[in-house]
N, C-alpha and C. Protein backbone atom coordinates (compact mmCIF):
# COMPACT_ATOMS: atom_id res chain seq x y z
N MET A 1 0.42 -0.07 22.81
CA MET A 1 -0.73 -0.47 22.26
C MET A 1 -1.47 0.73 21.74
N TYR A 2 -2.13 0.69 20.62
CA TYR A 2 -3.01 1.86 20.25
C TYR A 2 -4.45 1.64 20.70
N SER A 3 -5.00 2.87 21.04
CA SER A 3 -6.43 2.83 21.66
C SER A 3 -7.34 2.74 20.47
N ASP A 4 -8.61 2.41 20.67
CA ASP A 4 -9.47 2.18 19.66
C ASP A 4 -9.78 3.65 18.95
N ASP A 5 -9.72 4.48 19.59
CA ASP A 5 -9.85 5.91 19.07
C ASP A 5 -8.76 6.27 18.01
N GLN A 6 -7.50 5.98 18.42
CA GLN A 6 -6.35 6.22 17.48
C GLN A 6 -6.67 5.33 16.23
N ILE A 7 -7.09 4.20 16.24
CA ILE A 7 -7.18 3.17 15.18
C ILE A 7 -8.20 3.90 14.38
N ILE A 8 -9.35 4.18 14.83
CA ILE A 8 -10.54 4.84 14.16
C ILE A 8 -10.18 6.06 13.37
N PHE A 9 -9.31 6.71 14.04
CA PHE A 9 -8.69 8.07 13.35
C PHE A 9 -7.84 7.72 12.20
N VAL A 10 -6.93 6.93 12.47
CA VAL A 10 -6.02 6.52 11.37
C VAL A 10 -6.81 5.74 10.16
N ASN A 11 -7.61 5.04 10.50
CA ASN A 11 -8.44 4.39 9.33
C ASN A 11 -9.35 5.47 8.64
N GLN A 12 -9.45 6.63 9.01
CA GLN A 12 -10.36 7.59 8.18
C GLN A 12 -9.42 8.33 7.28
N MET A 13 -8.00 8.11 7.55
CA MET A 13 -7.18 8.84 6.56
C MET A 13 -7.34 8.15 5.03
N SER A 14 -6.98 9.00 4.07
CA SER A 14 -7.07 8.71 2.64
C SER A 14 -5.93 7.82 2.17
N ILE A 15 -6.20 6.66 1.69
CA ILE A 15 -5.05 5.63 1.39
C ILE A 15 -4.35 6.54 0.06
N LEU A 16 -5.21 7.04 -0.81
CA LEU A 16 -4.53 7.77 -2.00
C LEU A 16 -3.47 8.84 -1.66
N VAL A 17 -3.99 9.78 -0.42
CA VAL A 17 -3.14 10.83 -0.12
C VAL A 17 -2.01 10.01 0.77
N TYR A 18 -2.02 9.21 1.46
CA TYR A 18 -0.87 8.27 2.06
C TYR A 18 -0.03 7.81 1.06
N ALA A 19 -0.50 7.23 -0.07
CA ALA A 19 0.34 6.58 -1.16
C ALA A 19 1.27 7.81 -1.81
N GLN A 20 0.63 8.94 -2.06
CA GLN A 20 1.31 9.99 -2.68
C GLN A 20 2.33 10.66 -1.63
N ALA A 21 2.11 10.69 -0.44
CA ALA A 21 2.94 11.30 0.63
C ALA A 21 3.99 10.39 0.76
N ALA A 22 3.87 8.79 0.47
CA ALA A 22 4.87 8.12 0.84
C ALA A 22 5.88 7.96 -0.41
N GLY A 23 5.54 8.70 -1.55
CA GLY A 23 6.42 8.84 -2.42
C GLY A 23 6.24 7.86 -3.82
N LEU A 24 4.89 7.28 -3.73
CA LEU A 24 4.64 6.12 -4.77
C LEU A 24 4.32 7.00 -6.05
N GLY A 25 4.76 6.38 -7.19
CA GLY A 25 4.15 7.03 -8.40
C GLY A 25 3.08 6.31 -8.74
N LEU A 26 2.10 7.04 -8.86
CA LEU A 26 0.60 6.61 -9.19
C LEU A 26 0.20 6.96 -10.57
N ASP A 27 -0.28 5.78 -11.50
CA ASP A 27 -0.78 5.90 -12.81
C ASP A 27 -2.21 5.51 -12.62
N TYR A 28 -3.28 6.44 -12.79
CA TYR A 28 -4.48 6.11 -12.44
C TYR A 28 -5.11 5.68 -13.88
N LYS A 29 -5.84 4.43 -13.65
CA LYS A 29 -6.55 3.78 -14.74
C LYS A 29 -7.94 3.90 -14.43
N LEU A 30 -8.85 3.20 -15.38
CA LEU A 30 -10.19 3.37 -15.30
C LEU A 30 -10.69 2.78 -13.64
N LYS A 31 -10.22 1.70 -13.25
CA LYS A 31 -10.65 1.03 -12.07
C LYS A 31 -9.44 0.81 -11.13
N HIS A 32 -8.24 1.03 -11.62
CA HIS A 32 -7.12 0.57 -10.81
C HIS A 32 -6.13 1.63 -10.81
N VAL A 33 -5.30 1.64 -9.93
CA VAL A 33 -4.29 2.47 -9.80
C VAL A 33 -2.81 1.71 -9.97
N LEU A 34 -2.07 1.82 -11.00
CA LEU A 34 -0.87 1.15 -11.10
C LEU A 34 0.26 1.86 -10.21
N VAL A 35 0.89 1.17 -9.48
CA VAL A 35 1.88 1.59 -8.64
C VAL A 35 3.13 1.44 -9.21
N LYS A 36 3.99 2.45 -9.49
CA LYS A 36 5.23 2.33 -10.03
C LYS A 36 6.29 1.89 -8.90
N GLY A 37 7.05 0.99 -9.20
CA GLY A 37 8.04 0.64 -7.93
C GLY A 37 7.64 -0.51 -7.23
N VAL A 38 6.49 -1.00 -7.43
CA VAL A 38 6.04 -2.01 -6.74
C VAL A 38 5.73 -3.18 -7.75
N ASP A 39 6.65 -3.73 -8.52
CA ASP A 39 6.67 -4.66 -9.53
C ASP A 39 5.56 -4.46 -10.44
N SER A 40 5.22 -3.22 -10.46
CA SER A 40 4.20 -2.52 -11.56
C SER A 40 2.85 -3.66 -11.51
N ARG A 41 2.50 -4.23 -10.34
CA ARG A 41 1.35 -4.88 -10.32
C ARG A 41 -0.03 -3.91 -9.96
N GLU A 42 -1.03 -4.31 -10.20
CA GLU A 42 -2.08 -3.55 -10.13
C GLU A 42 -2.66 -3.63 -8.81
N ILE A 43 -3.05 -2.49 -8.10
CA ILE A 43 -3.68 -2.38 -6.94
C ILE A 43 -4.89 -1.32 -6.94
N THR A 44 -6.02 -1.94 -6.42
CA THR A 44 -7.07 -0.92 -6.35
C THR A 44 -6.99 -0.05 -5.07
N LEU A 45 -6.94 1.08 -5.28
CA LEU A 45 -6.80 2.06 -4.25
C LEU A 45 -8.04 3.00 -4.24
N ASP A 46 -8.51 3.26 -3.07
CA ASP A 46 -9.56 4.45 -3.02
C ASP A 46 -9.38 4.94 -1.74
N ASP A 47 -10.33 5.97 -1.50
CA ASP A 47 -10.07 6.80 -0.23
C ASP A 47 -9.96 5.84 1.16
N GLY A 48 -10.79 4.83 1.14
CA GLY A 48 -10.86 4.10 2.42
C GLY A 48 -10.27 2.87 2.21
N GLU A 49 -10.11 2.02 1.27
CA GLU A 49 -9.82 0.54 1.28
C GLU A 49 -8.68 0.51 -0.15
N TRP A 50 -8.03 -0.67 -0.01
CA TRP A 50 -7.28 -1.03 -1.21
C TRP A 50 -7.22 -2.65 -1.23
N TYR A 51 -6.87 -3.10 -2.55
CA TYR A 51 -6.92 -4.45 -2.84
C TYR A 51 -5.82 -4.75 -3.71
N TYR A 52 -4.95 -5.78 -3.25
CA TYR A 52 -3.81 -6.24 -4.20
C TYR A 52 -3.99 -7.30 -4.89
N HIS A 53 -4.38 -7.25 -6.24
CA HIS A 53 -4.78 -8.32 -6.95
C HIS A 53 -4.16 -9.45 -7.15
N TYR A 54 -2.78 -9.40 -7.05
CA TYR A 54 -1.82 -10.44 -7.27
C TYR A 54 -1.73 -11.24 -6.17
N MET A 55 -1.98 -10.82 -4.94
CA MET A 55 -1.82 -11.89 -3.86
C MET A 55 -3.25 -12.06 -3.26
N GLY A 56 -4.38 -11.29 -3.65
CA GLY A 56 -5.73 -11.22 -3.10
C GLY A 56 -5.97 -10.81 -1.76
N ILE A 57 -5.01 -9.70 -1.29
CA ILE A 57 -5.20 -9.25 0.07
C ILE A 57 -5.84 -7.83 -0.08
N ARG A 58 -6.38 -7.44 0.98
CA ARG A 58 -7.12 -6.27 0.87
C ARG A 58 -7.24 -5.55 2.29
N GLY A 59 -7.61 -4.42 2.59
CA GLY A 59 -7.64 -3.86 3.88
C GLY A 59 -7.72 -2.33 4.03
N ARG A 60 -7.59 -1.80 5.02
CA ARG A 60 -7.71 -0.34 5.27
C ARG A 60 -6.24 0.03 5.37
N ILE A 61 -6.25 1.61 5.57
CA ILE A 61 -4.73 2.25 5.55
C ILE A 61 -3.75 1.49 6.39
N ILE A 62 -4.02 0.94 7.56
CA ILE A 62 -3.10 0.33 8.47
C ILE A 62 -2.67 -0.93 7.79
N GLN A 63 -3.33 -1.75 7.10
CA GLN A 63 -2.81 -3.08 6.42
C GLN A 63 -2.01 -2.54 5.08
N PHE A 64 -2.42 -1.35 4.57
CA PHE A 64 -1.61 -0.95 3.43
C PHE A 64 -0.29 -0.29 3.81
N ALA A 65 -0.29 0.50 4.84
CA ALA A 65 1.11 0.85 5.29
C ALA A 65 2.00 -0.39 5.69
N THR A 66 1.52 -1.41 6.39
CA THR A 66 2.19 -2.59 6.86
C THR A 66 2.67 -3.24 5.43
N TRP A 67 1.88 -3.54 4.58
CA TRP A 67 2.14 -4.24 3.40
C TRP A 67 3.15 -3.33 2.51
N LEU A 68 3.08 -2.11 2.61
CA LEU A 68 3.96 -1.35 1.76
C LEU A 68 5.38 -1.40 2.44
N GLN A 69 5.48 -1.35 3.70
CA GLN A 69 6.53 -1.46 4.47
C GLN A 69 7.36 -2.91 4.19
N ASP A 70 6.55 -3.98 4.17
CA ASP A 70 7.02 -5.39 3.96
C ASP A 70 7.72 -5.33 2.37
N ILE A 71 6.89 -4.74 1.48
CA ILE A 71 7.33 -4.68 0.07
C ILE A 71 8.80 -4.04 -0.07
N ARG A 72 8.85 -3.02 0.47
CA ARG A 72 9.91 -2.01 0.53
C ARG A 72 11.18 -2.78 1.08
N TRP A 73 10.91 -3.51 2.03
CA TRP A 73 11.84 -4.26 2.80
C TRP A 73 12.48 -5.52 2.20
N LYS A 74 11.51 -6.11 1.61
CA LYS A 74 11.74 -7.33 0.89
C LYS A 74 12.58 -7.33 -0.39
N ASP A 75 12.26 -6.33 -1.11
CA ASP A 75 13.17 -6.23 -2.44
C ASP A 75 14.66 -6.18 -2.09
N PRO A 76 15.18 -5.31 -1.27
CA PRO A 76 16.59 -5.16 -1.09
C PRO A 76 17.08 -6.48 -0.30
N MET A 77 16.38 -7.07 0.50
CA MET A 77 16.92 -8.29 1.07
C MET A 77 16.97 -9.39 0.12
N GLN A 78 16.22 -9.53 -0.90
CA GLN A 78 16.13 -10.40 -1.79
C GLN A 78 17.44 -10.14 -2.72
N GLN A 79 17.47 -8.86 -3.01
CA GLN A 79 18.82 -8.77 -3.89
C GLN A 79 20.09 -8.96 -3.24
N ASN A 80 20.15 -8.85 -2.04
CA ASN A 80 21.31 -9.11 -1.02
C ASN A 80 21.58 -10.41 -1.11
N SER A 81 20.44 -11.39 -0.89
CA SER A 81 20.47 -12.82 -0.73
C SER A 81 20.85 -13.35 -2.17
N ASP A 82 20.83 -12.63 -3.34
CA ASP A 82 21.16 -13.25 -4.62
C ASP A 82 22.57 -13.07 -4.90
N TYR A 83 23.47 -12.50 -4.06
CA TYR A 83 24.88 -12.45 -4.36
C TYR A 83 25.63 -13.35 -3.59
């Protein structure tokens, strides 16, 4: 289990920096960042929070990292089950 101090520290990280470090191709628009490789759906990313317009979910960096992991795992599993 993580301590409150660890969670506070992680939540101070920039989501944009994390997204770039995770290898996401980012295409900056006026209010949104288009993320290449995530079904090209729009996500609002800023330094502290993110919002996924397609599903109506939002959060801080911990939720973003969890969501990104789920998306990356789901696509290969779906392709596997299509065969």
